[in-house]
Amino acid sequence: MQPTSGASERTPWLTRLFGVNPHEAPAVAAGLAMFFLLFTGYFMLRPVRETMGVAGGVDNLQWLFTGTFLATVAVLPLYGWIASKVARRRIVPWVFGLVVATLLGFGLGLVLQPDNVWAGRAFYIWVSVINLLLISLAWSVLADVFASSEAKRLFALIAAGASAGGLTGPLLATVLVEPLGHGGLMLLSSLFIAASAGMALWLHRWRDRHPLERSGTHAPAQRERPLGGNPFAGATAVFRSPFLLGIALFVVLLATVTTFLYFEQARLVSELFPDRARQTQVFGLIDTVVQVLAILTQLFITGRVAQKLGVGVLLVGVPLVMAFGFLWLALAPVFAVFVVVMVARRAGEYAFVRPGREMLYTVVPPADKYKAKNFIDTVVYRGGDALSAWVKRLLDVLGDHPGLAMLIGAGIALAWAGTGFGLGRAQRRREAQLHP
């Protein structure tokens, strides 16, 4: 036993505590910084977006969801063109730079006309488009840079940077919304997003300096080349692959569960907190609680679960909890119960579902990591949003009884869990084929 103890003492503390090898520490730090900066910038905008959505009328939210889906479809060809023509390592700077330019424009517009309802609706739609686009791209960089075995150890830890940013952003929004106004928050958030793109570039350079033994698609020369293909290649790849179709179904069910809870949130908050500044503070407080729980779980639990039990466990646990949560809401549709269920859903998604979902992409080709993945994360997700928004609105109009939607939500959550179980098994088979 003594040699084992001595070896343990020589093991670096990062490896013992978090599973990080010494040469990986700079990359983990860069990944943490990339997500921290991106999520700080986005979560400064999120409470503003929620307030703009409520200001436009809770009964009109399904129109905003539909507008978001149409805007996402319109943006897809532009993104596809960039991903086809630009070197893999430069996709993020191009896309992030264009997004920052639009945010600066919205910020200036709301500084000049802070009460313009249509500007608020346009902002709601645009932020709903770019948040999925930017987050998906950041995860694409990680799936491109790290191998599957590294992802199981490191993805959840790196995702803690997202939770830290998700904690900092709402706090900044809550404190700065009155002195800066909504327009000022947009201008400040754009700086964080621009800095995040710099971290993505650094991650590619780190992989260049530390190539894998079997470099393959991780080789520097490969990442210097454009992916090629046409702007719609991501969509066609999804429909040709049962594995990618499974991920798409998983995302649609996730979006449906999220939308059902989102509509309930908008209804309860609009009834209890009529003041717009107060609504922004409430949304910011919920975000803060979610991120505190998520970051603790990501740091100390998720990576160990993924290594010992596999990716499938990360994809099944939260849907099962949500099935129970929907049943609870059907029996007790009050704000306190809703907050508990919403916090569990979002914290669980950040800590378990999102890292697990991104691990699935480490076993697909590079083009699918950027194109098919982005199509699923944006168009498919927002399509699920729009469809479920109209279904939820129809249920409310016909029955005027939120409990019915909650019971249907429980059934959808069970289907979500079953899909996650199947994807976990498929990921193990693909990983075994890549690393026999």
Protein backbone atom coordinates (compact mmCIF):
# COMPACT_ATOMS: atom_id res chain seq x y z
CA MET A 1 0.00 0.00 0.00
CA GLN A 2 2.90 2.35 0.64
CA PRO A 3 3.91 2.81 -3.03
CA THR A 4 0.34 3.69 -3.90
CA SER A 5 0.32 6.35 -1.20
CA GLY A 6 3.59 7.79 -2.45
CA ALA A 7 2.32 7.92 -6.01
CA SER A 8 -0.80 9.71 -4.81
CA GLU A 9 1.32 12.33 -3.06
CA ARG A 10 3.24 12.99 -6.28
CA THR A 11 0.05 13.40 -8.31
CA PRO A 12 -0.63 17.11 -8.98
CA TRP A 13 -3.56 18.46 -6.99
CA LEU A 14 -5.39 19.49 -10.17
CA THR A 15 -5.35 15.88 -11.31
CA ARG A 16 -6.49 14.55 -7.94
CA LEU A 17 -9.29 17.09 -7.49
CA PHE A 18 -10.51 17.76 -11.05
CA GLY A 19 -8.87 15.13 -13.29
CA VAL A 20 -6.78 17.76 -15.16
CA ASN A 21 -3.35 16.67 -16.41
CA PRO A 22 -0.60 19.32 -16.01
CA HIS A 23 -0.24 20.06 -19.74
CA GLU A 24 -4.03 20.50 -19.99
CA ALA A 25 -4.25 23.19 -17.31
CA PRO A 26 -3.70 26.17 -19.69
CA ALA A 27 -6.36 24.85 -22.09
CA VAL A 28 -8.84 24.35 -19.26
CA ALA A 29 -8.14 27.91 -18.08
CA ALA A 30 -8.69 29.25 -21.60
CA GLY A 31 -11.91 27.25 -21.96
CA LEU A 32 -13.12 28.53 -18.61
CA ALA A 33 -12.33 32.10 -19.67
CA MET A 34 -14.03 31.64 -23.06
CA PHE A 35 -17.28 30.53 -21.46
CA PHE A 36 -17.06 32.99 -18.57
CA LEU A 37 -16.73 35.96 -20.91
CA LEU A 38 -19.40 34.70 -23.31
CA PHE A 39 -21.96 33.91 -20.62
CA THR A 40 -21.27 37.09 -18.68
CA GLY A 41 -22.06 39.04 -21.83
CA TYR A 42 -25.12 36.96 -22.69
CA PHE A 43 -26.58 36.85 -19.18
CA MET A 44 -26.34 40.61 -18.96
CA LEU A 45 -28.72 40.59 -21.94
CA ARG A 46 -30.99 37.78 -20.78
CA PRO A 47 -32.94 39.70 -18.09
CA VAL A 48 -33.33 42.57 -20.58
CA ARG A 49 -34.67 40.12 -23.17
CA GLU A 50 -37.16 38.64 -20.68
CA THR A 51 -38.39 42.12 -19.78
CA MET A 52 -38.81 43.01 -23.47
CA GLY A 53 -40.81 39.82 -23.98
CA VAL A 54 -43.18 40.57 -21.12
CA ALA A 55 -43.51 44.23 -22.24
CA GLY A 56 -44.75 43.07 -25.64
CA GLY A 57 -47.56 41.12 -23.98
CA VAL A 58 -47.55 37.59 -22.56
CA ASP A 59 -50.31 36.63 -25.01
CA ASN A 60 -47.96 37.54 -27.89
CA LEU A 61 -45.01 35.37 -26.83
CA GLN A 62 -45.84 32.67 -29.38
CA TRP A 63 -45.38 35.30 -32.11
CA LEU A 64 -41.94 36.17 -30.74
CA PHE A 65 -41.02 32.48 -30.72
CA THR A 66 -42.20 32.13 -34.31
CA GLY A 67 -40.24 35.25 -35.31
CA THR A 68 -37.17 33.82 -33.61
CA PHE A 69 -37.46 30.59 -35.58
CA LEU A 70 -37.85 32.45 -38.89
CA ALA A 71 -34.89 34.72 -38.07
CA THR A 72 -32.79 31.65 -37.21
CA VAL A 73 -33.64 30.05 -40.55
CA ALA A 74 -32.71 33.31 -42.31
CA VAL A 75 -29.32 33.47 -40.55
CA LEU A 76 -28.45 29.83 -41.30
CA PRO A 77 -27.27 30.37 -44.93
CA LEU A 78 -24.95 33.20 -43.85
CA TYR A 79 -23.44 31.08 -41.10
CA GLY A 80 -23.18 28.10 -43.47
CA TRP A 81 -21.34 30.22 -46.01
CA ILE A 82 -18.85 31.43 -43.38
CA ALA A 83 -18.30 27.88 -42.07
CA SER A 84 -17.69 26.63 -45.63
CA LYS A 85 -15.25 29.37 -46.72
CA VAL A 86 -13.32 30.26 -43.55
CA ALA A 87 -10.69 28.10 -41.84
CA ARG A 88 -12.14 26.13 -38.91
CA ARG A 89 -10.10 28.05 -36.37
CA ARG A 90 -11.42 31.40 -37.68
CA ILE A 91 -15.16 30.67 -37.76
CA VAL A 92 -15.64 31.98 -34.22
CA PRO A 93 -13.92 35.39 -34.74
CA TRP A 94 -15.94 36.00 -37.90
CA VAL A 95 -19.31 35.12 -36.38
CA PHE A 96 -18.67 36.71 -33.00
CA GLY A 97 -17.46 39.90 -34.69
CA LEU A 98 -20.66 40.22 -36.73
CA VAL A 99 -22.79 39.63 -33.62
CA VAL A 100 -20.93 42.29 -31.65
CA ALA A 101 -21.58 44.79 -34.43
CA THR A 102 -25.34 44.11 -34.28
CA LEU A 103 -25.40 44.41 -30.48
CA LEU A 104 -23.68 47.78 -30.66
CA GLY A 105 -26.39 48.88 -33.09
CA PHE A 106 -29.21 47.69 -30.80
CA GLY A 107 -27.54 49.30 -27.80
CA LEU A 108 -27.32 52.65 -29.55
CA GLY A 109 -30.93 52.35 -30.74
CA LEU A 110 -32.28 51.67 -27.25
CA VAL A 111 -30.19 54.49 -25.77
CA LEU A 112 -31.90 56.86 -28.23
CA GLN A 113 -35.40 55.29 -27.96
CA PRO A 114 -35.60 53.27 -24.72
CA ASP A 115 -39.40 52.76 -24.82
CA ASN A 116 -39.72 51.64 -28.44
CA VAL A 117 -41.82 48.44 -28.23
CA TRP A 118 -40.91 47.22 -31.72
CA ALA A 119 -37.20 47.77 -31.07
CA GLY A 120 -37.66 45.69 -27.92
CA ARG A 121 -39.36 42.91 -29.87
CA ALA A 122 -36.62 42.91 -32.50
CA PHE A 123 -34.01 42.76 -29.76
CA TYR A 124 -35.82 39.84 -28.09
CA ILE A 125 -35.78 37.90 -31.35
CA TRP A 126 -32.16 38.69 -32.19
CA VAL A 127 -30.81 37.78 -28.76
CA SER A 128 -32.80 34.52 -28.92
CA VAL A 129 -31.05 33.78 -32.23
CA ILE A 130 -27.51 34.69 -31.27
CA ASN A 131 -27.46 33.10 -27.84
CA LEU A 132 -27.81 29.61 -29.33
CA LEU A 133 -25.49 30.44 -32.21
CA LEU A 134 -22.64 31.72 -30.03
CA ILE A 135 -22.94 29.05 -27.37
CA SER A 136 -23.10 26.31 -30.00
CA LEU A 137 -19.97 27.66 -31.67
CA ALA A 138 -18.06 27.82 -28.39
CA TRP A 139 -18.89 24.17 -27.75
CA SER A 140 -17.91 23.33 -31.33
CA VAL A 141 -14.43 24.64 -30.58
CA LEU A 142 -14.16 22.34 -27.55
CA ALA A 143 -15.44 19.32 -29.51
CA ASP A 144 -12.88 20.16 -32.23
CA VAL A 145 -9.93 20.67 -29.89
CA PHE A 146 -10.45 17.86 -27.35
CA ALA A 147 -10.69 14.11 -27.93
CA SER A 148 -13.60 12.08 -26.52
CA SER A 149 -11.57 10.72 -23.59
CA GLU A 150 -10.48 14.26 -22.67
CA ALA A 151 -14.04 15.57 -22.99
CA LYS A 152 -15.37 13.23 -20.30
CA ARG A 153 -12.84 14.57 -17.83
CA LEU A 154 -12.79 18.23 -18.82
CA PHE A 155 -16.06 19.39 -20.41
CA ALA A 156 -18.03 19.72 -17.18
CA LEU A 157 -15.15 21.56 -15.51
CA ILE A 158 -14.82 23.97 -18.43
CA ALA A 159 -18.60 24.44 -18.43
CA ALA A 160 -18.22 25.82 -14.91
CA GLY A 161 -16.89 28.94 -16.62
CA ALA A 162 -20.30 29.28 -18.27
CA SER A 163 -22.01 28.99 -14.91
CA ALA A 164 -19.64 31.53 -13.38
CA GLY A 165 -20.42 33.90 -16.23
CA GLY A 166 -24.10 33.10 -15.84
CA LEU A 167 -23.74 34.12 -12.20
CA THR A 168 -21.81 37.31 -12.89
CA GLY A 169 -23.96 38.50 -15.80
CA PRO A 170 -27.30 38.66 -13.93
CA LEU A 171 -25.62 40.36 -10.96
CA LEU A 172 -24.16 43.00 -13.27
CA ALA A 173 -27.53 43.42 -14.97
CA THR A 174 -29.32 43.81 -11.64
CA VAL A 175 -26.84 46.40 -10.37
CA LEU A 176 -26.26 48.32 -13.62
CA VAL A 177 -29.73 48.35 -15.23
CA GLU A 178 -30.75 51.59 -13.49
CA PRO A 179 -27.55 53.66 -14.01
CA LEU A 180 -26.79 52.38 -17.54
CA GLY A 181 -30.24 51.52 -18.84
CA HIS A 182 -30.96 48.61 -21.17
CA GLY A 183 -28.98 50.17 -24.01
CA GLY A 184 -25.89 50.58 -21.84
CA LEU A 185 -26.04 46.93 -20.77
CA MET A 186 -25.95 45.88 -24.43
CA LEU A 187 -22.89 48.00 -25.14
CA LEU A 188 -21.02 46.53 -22.18
CA SER A 189 -22.00 42.93 -22.96
CA SER A 190 -20.57 43.21 -26.47
CA LEU A 191 -17.09 43.74 -25.00
CA PHE A 192 -17.28 40.47 -23.07
CA ILE A 193 -18.43 38.56 -26.16
CA ALA A 194 -15.58 39.95 -28.26
CA ALA A 195 -13.03 38.89 -25.63
CA SER A 196 -14.52 35.37 -25.63
CA ALA A 197 -13.63 34.97 -29.32
CA GLY A 198 -9.97 35.63 -28.47
CA MET A 199 -9.99 32.70 -26.03
CA ALA A 200 -11.38 30.40 -28.73
CA LEU A 201 -8.46 31.28 -31.00
CA TRP A 202 -6.01 30.53 -28.18
CA LEU A 203 -7.50 27.05 -27.67
CA HIS A 204 -6.73 26.13 -31.27
CA ARG A 205 -3.13 27.32 -30.81
CA TRP A 206 -2.82 25.21 -27.65
CA ARG A 207 -3.88 22.08 -29.53
CA ASP A 208 -1.26 22.92 -32.18
CA ARG A 209 1.41 22.90 -29.48
CA HIS A 210 0.10 19.68 -27.89
CA PRO A 211 -0.97 17.40 -30.76
CA LEU A 212 -2.58 14.07 -29.99
CA GLU A 213 -0.69 10.86 -30.79
CA ARG A 214 -3.28 10.15 -33.49
CA SER A 215 -3.88 13.70 -34.60
CA GLY A 216 -6.30 13.07 -37.48
CA THR A 217 -8.82 15.89 -37.57
CA HIS A 218 -7.05 17.56 -34.63
CA ALA A 219 -3.92 18.26 -36.73
CA PRO A 220 -3.00 21.98 -37.19
CA ALA A 221 -3.09 21.72 -40.99
CA GLN A 222 -6.65 20.37 -40.86
CA ARG A 223 -7.91 23.26 -38.73
CA GLU A 224 -6.32 25.76 -41.14
CA ARG A 225 -8.52 24.52 -43.98
CA PRO A 226 -12.12 25.55 -44.67
CA LEU A 227 -14.69 22.82 -44.16
CA GLY A 228 -16.01 23.26 -47.71
CA GLY A 229 -19.43 22.17 -48.84
CA ASN A 230 -22.51 24.32 -49.30
CA PRO A 231 -24.31 26.58 -46.77
CA PHE A 232 -26.99 23.94 -46.18
CA ALA A 233 -24.67 20.96 -45.68
CA GLY A 234 -25.37 20.84 -41.94
CA ALA A 235 -29.09 20.27 -42.49
CA THR A 236 -28.58 17.52 -45.05
CA ALA A 237 -26.02 15.78 -42.81
CA VAL A 238 -28.55 15.60 -39.98
CA PHE A 239 -31.18 13.90 -42.13
CA ARG A 240 -28.62 11.35 -43.39
CA SER A 241 -27.41 10.25 -39.96
CA PRO A 242 -29.56 8.31 -37.43
CA PHE A 243 -27.19 9.44 -34.66
CA LEU A 244 -27.57 13.13 -35.54
CA LEU A 245 -31.33 12.69 -35.97
CA GLY A 246 -31.42 11.25 -32.46
CA ILE A 247 -29.62 14.33 -31.14
CA ALA A 248 -32.10 16.52 -33.05
CA LEU A 249 -35.06 14.72 -31.44
CA PHE A 250 -33.42 15.09 -28.02
CA VAL A 251 -33.08 18.85 -28.63
CA VAL A 252 -36.70 19.22 -29.79
CA LEU A 253 -37.95 17.52 -26.62
CA LEU A 254 -35.61 19.65 -24.50
CA ALA A 255 -36.91 22.80 -26.20
CA THR A 256 -40.52 21.72 -25.64
CA VAL A 257 -39.98 21.17 -21.92
CA THR A 258 -38.18 24.51 -21.69
CA THR A 259 -40.93 26.36 -23.58
CA PHE A 260 -43.74 24.97 -21.43
CA LEU A 261 -41.92 26.18 -18.30
CA TYR A 262 -41.01 29.49 -19.94
CA PHE A 263 -44.65 30.34 -20.67
CA GLU A 264 -45.59 29.49 -17.10
CA GLN A 265 -42.78 31.76 -15.89
CA ALA A 266 -43.97 34.66 -18.05
CA ARG A 267 -47.56 34.24 -16.84
CA LEU A 268 -46.68 34.13 -13.14
CA VAL A 269 -44.12 36.94 -13.24
CA SER A 270 -46.40 39.28 -15.20
CA GLU A 271 -49.16 38.70 -12.64
CA LEU A 272 -47.01 39.11 -9.53
CA PHE A 273 -44.50 41.80 -10.64
CA PRO A 274 -46.05 44.45 -12.93
CA ASP A 275 -43.05 46.85 -12.74
CA ARG A 276 -40.53 46.29 -15.58
CA ALA A 277 -37.42 47.05 -13.50
CA ARG A 278 -38.68 44.66 -10.82
CA GLN A 279 -39.23 41.96 -13.45
CA THR A 280 -35.62 42.32 -14.62
CA GLN A 281 -34.45 41.93 -11.02
CA VAL A 282 -36.59 38.81 -10.47
CA PHE A 283 -35.28 37.20 -13.65
CA GLY A 284 -31.74 38.11 -12.58
CA LEU A 285 -32.24 36.56 -9.13
CA ILE A 286 -33.49 33.28 -10.61
CA ASP A 287 -30.46 33.22 -12.92
CA THR A 288 -28.15 33.77 -9.96
CA VAL A 289 -29.53 30.83 -7.94
CA VAL A 290 -29.36 28.58 -11.00
CA GLN A 291 -25.72 29.35 -11.69
CA VAL A 292 -24.58 28.86 -8.07
CA LEU A 293 -26.06 25.35 -8.05
CA ALA A 294 -24.75 24.55 -11.54
CA ILE A 295 -21.17 25.62 -10.89
CA LEU A 296 -20.85 23.51 -7.72
CA THR A 297 -22.21 20.47 -9.55
CA GLN A 298 -19.96 20.99 -12.58
CA LEU A 299 -16.83 21.34 -10.47
CA PHE A 300 -17.25 18.30 -8.27
CA ILE A 301 -19.85 15.89 -9.66
CA THR A 302 -20.47 15.91 -13.42
CA GLY A 303 -17.02 14.83 -14.62
CA ARG A 304 -16.89 11.92 -12.20
CA VAL A 305 -20.37 10.76 -13.23
CA ALA A 306 -19.44 10.92 -16.94
CA GLN A 307 -16.22 8.92 -16.43
CA LYS A 308 -17.72 6.23 -14.20
CA LEU A 309 -21.30 5.88 -15.48
CA GLY A 310 -21.09 7.23 -19.04
CA VAL A 311 -22.67 10.03 -21.03
CA GLY A 312 -26.13 8.43 -21.00
CA VAL A 313 -26.60 9.09 -17.27
CA LEU A 314 -26.05 12.82 -17.87
CA LEU A 315 -28.78 12.79 -20.53
CA VAL A 316 -31.40 10.84 -18.57
CA GLY A 317 -31.33 12.18 -15.01
CA VAL A 318 -32.68 15.69 -15.57
CA PRO A 319 -35.58 14.62 -17.86
CA LEU A 320 -36.77 12.20 -15.17
CA VAL A 321 -36.62 14.96 -12.56
CA MET A 322 -38.60 17.21 -14.91
CA ALA A 323 -41.32 14.58 -15.32
CA PHE A 324 -41.79 14.67 -11.56
CA GLY A 325 -41.61 18.48 -11.55
CA PHE A 326 -44.39 18.83 -14.13
CA LEU A 327 -46.63 16.56 -12.06
CA TRP A 328 -45.89 18.68 -8.99
CA LEU A 329 -46.80 21.85 -10.87
CA ALA A 330 -50.04 20.29 -12.10
CA LEU A 331 -51.03 19.66 -8.49
CA ALA A 332 -49.65 22.92 -7.03
CA PRO A 333 -49.42 25.67 -9.71
CA VAL A 334 -47.93 28.40 -7.47
CA PHE A 335 -44.87 30.62 -7.93
CA ALA A 336 -42.78 28.99 -5.17
CA VAL A 337 -43.18 25.52 -6.68
CA PHE A 338 -42.48 26.87 -10.14
CA VAL A 339 -39.22 28.48 -8.99
CA VAL A 340 -38.02 25.16 -7.53
CA VAL A 341 -38.85 23.27 -10.74
CA MET A 342 -37.38 25.97 -13.00
CA VAL A 343 -34.16 26.17 -11.00
CA ALA A 344 -33.83 22.36 -11.04
CA ARG A 345 -34.40 22.28 -14.80
CA ARG A 346 -31.94 25.00 -15.69
CA ALA A 347 -29.23 24.04 -13.18
CA GLY A 348 -29.54 20.42 -14.28
CA GLU A 349 -29.31 21.38 -17.93
CA TYR A 350 -26.14 23.42 -17.40
CA ALA A 351 -24.50 20.86 -15.10
CA PHE A 352 -25.52 17.56 -16.73
CA VAL A 353 -27.52 17.79 -19.96
CA ARG A 354 -25.42 20.36 -21.81
CA PRO A 355 -21.98 18.81 -21.11
CA GLY A 356 -23.41 15.37 -21.90
CA ARG A 357 -24.98 16.59 -25.14
CA GLU A 358 -21.71 18.20 -26.25
CA MET A 359 -19.76 15.02 -25.53
CA LEU A 360 -21.86 13.34 -28.22
CA TYR A 361 -20.21 15.54 -30.86
CA THR A 362 -16.66 14.39 -30.04
CA VAL A 363 -17.35 11.20 -32.02
CA VAL A 364 -18.54 12.85 -35.27
CA PRO A 365 -16.50 14.30 -38.20
CA PRO A 366 -15.29 17.96 -38.08
CA ALA A 367 -17.90 19.25 -40.54
CA ASP A 368 -20.67 17.84 -38.35
CA LYS A 369 -19.13 19.51 -35.28
CA TYR A 370 -19.58 22.95 -36.84
CA LYS A 371 -22.36 22.60 -39.43
CA ALA A 372 -24.74 19.83 -38.37
CA LYS A 373 -24.30 20.72 -34.72
CA ASN A 374 -25.09 24.37 -35.39
CA PHE A 375 -28.17 23.43 -37.42
CA ILE A 376 -29.44 21.29 -34.53
CA ASP A 377 -28.57 23.84 -31.85
CA THR A 378 -30.23 26.74 -33.66
CA VAL A 379 -32.82 25.86 -36.32
CA VAL A 380 -34.00 22.59 -34.77
CA TYR A 381 -34.04 24.06 -31.26
CA ARG A 382 -35.92 27.19 -32.31
CA GLY A 383 -38.28 25.13 -34.46
CA GLY A 384 -39.12 23.08 -31.38
CA ASP A 385 -39.56 26.34 -29.47
CA ALA A 386 -42.00 27.77 -32.02
CA LEU A 387 -44.06 24.60 -32.37
CA SER A 388 -44.33 24.00 -28.62
CA ALA A 389 -45.15 27.69 -28.04
CA TRP A 390 -48.22 27.43 -30.27
CA VAL A 391 -49.22 24.11 -28.68
CA LYS A 392 -48.93 25.63 -25.20
CA ARG A 393 -50.91 28.70 -26.24
CA LEU A 394 -53.62 26.52 -27.80
CA LEU A 395 -53.91 24.46 -24.62
CA ASP A 396 -54.24 27.63 -22.55
CA VAL A 397 -56.95 29.05 -24.82
CA LEU A 398 -58.99 25.84 -25.07
CA GLY A 399 -58.79 24.78 -21.47
CA ASP A 400 -57.72 27.88 -19.56
CA HIS A 401 -56.12 25.39 -17.19
CA PRO A 402 -52.29 25.34 -16.90
CA GLY A 403 -52.44 21.95 -15.20
CA LEU A 404 -53.27 20.24 -18.51
CA ALA A 405 -50.10 21.61 -20.11
CA MET A 406 -48.09 20.43 -17.10
CA LEU A 407 -49.43 16.87 -17.44
CA ILE A 408 -48.55 16.83 -21.13
CA GLY A 409 -45.13 18.22 -20.21
CA ALA A 410 -44.57 15.24 -17.89
CA GLY A 411 -45.17 12.85 -20.78
CA ILE A 412 -42.80 14.80 -23.02
CA ALA A 413 -40.12 14.71 -20.30
CA LEU A 414 -40.37 10.90 -20.15
CA ALA A 415 -39.90 10.70 -23.94
CA TRP A 416 -36.90 13.05 -23.53
CA ALA A 417 -35.37 10.66 -20.98
CA GLY A 418 -35.82 7.67 -23.31
CA THR A 419 -34.12 9.51 -26.17
CA GLY A 420 -31.19 10.42 -23.93
CA PHE A 421 -30.77 6.78 -22.92
CA GLY A 422 -30.59 5.69 -26.57
CA LEU A 423 -28.05 8.41 -27.43
CA GLY A 424 -25.82 7.37 -24.54
CA ARG A 425 -25.65 3.82 -25.87
CA ALA A 426 -24.97 5.03 -29.43
CA GLN A 427 -22.14 7.29 -28.20
CA ARG A 428 -20.43 4.37 -26.46
CA ARG A 429 -20.55 2.29 -29.66
CA ARG A 430 -19.08 5.12 -31.75
CA GLU A 431 -16.34 5.78 -29.20
CA ALA A 432 -15.38 2.09 -29.23
CA GLN A 433 -15.12 2.18 -33.02
CA LEU A 434 -12.88 5.27 -32.95
CA HIS A 435 -10.62 3.92 -30.18
CA PRO A 436 -10.76 0.10 -30.40
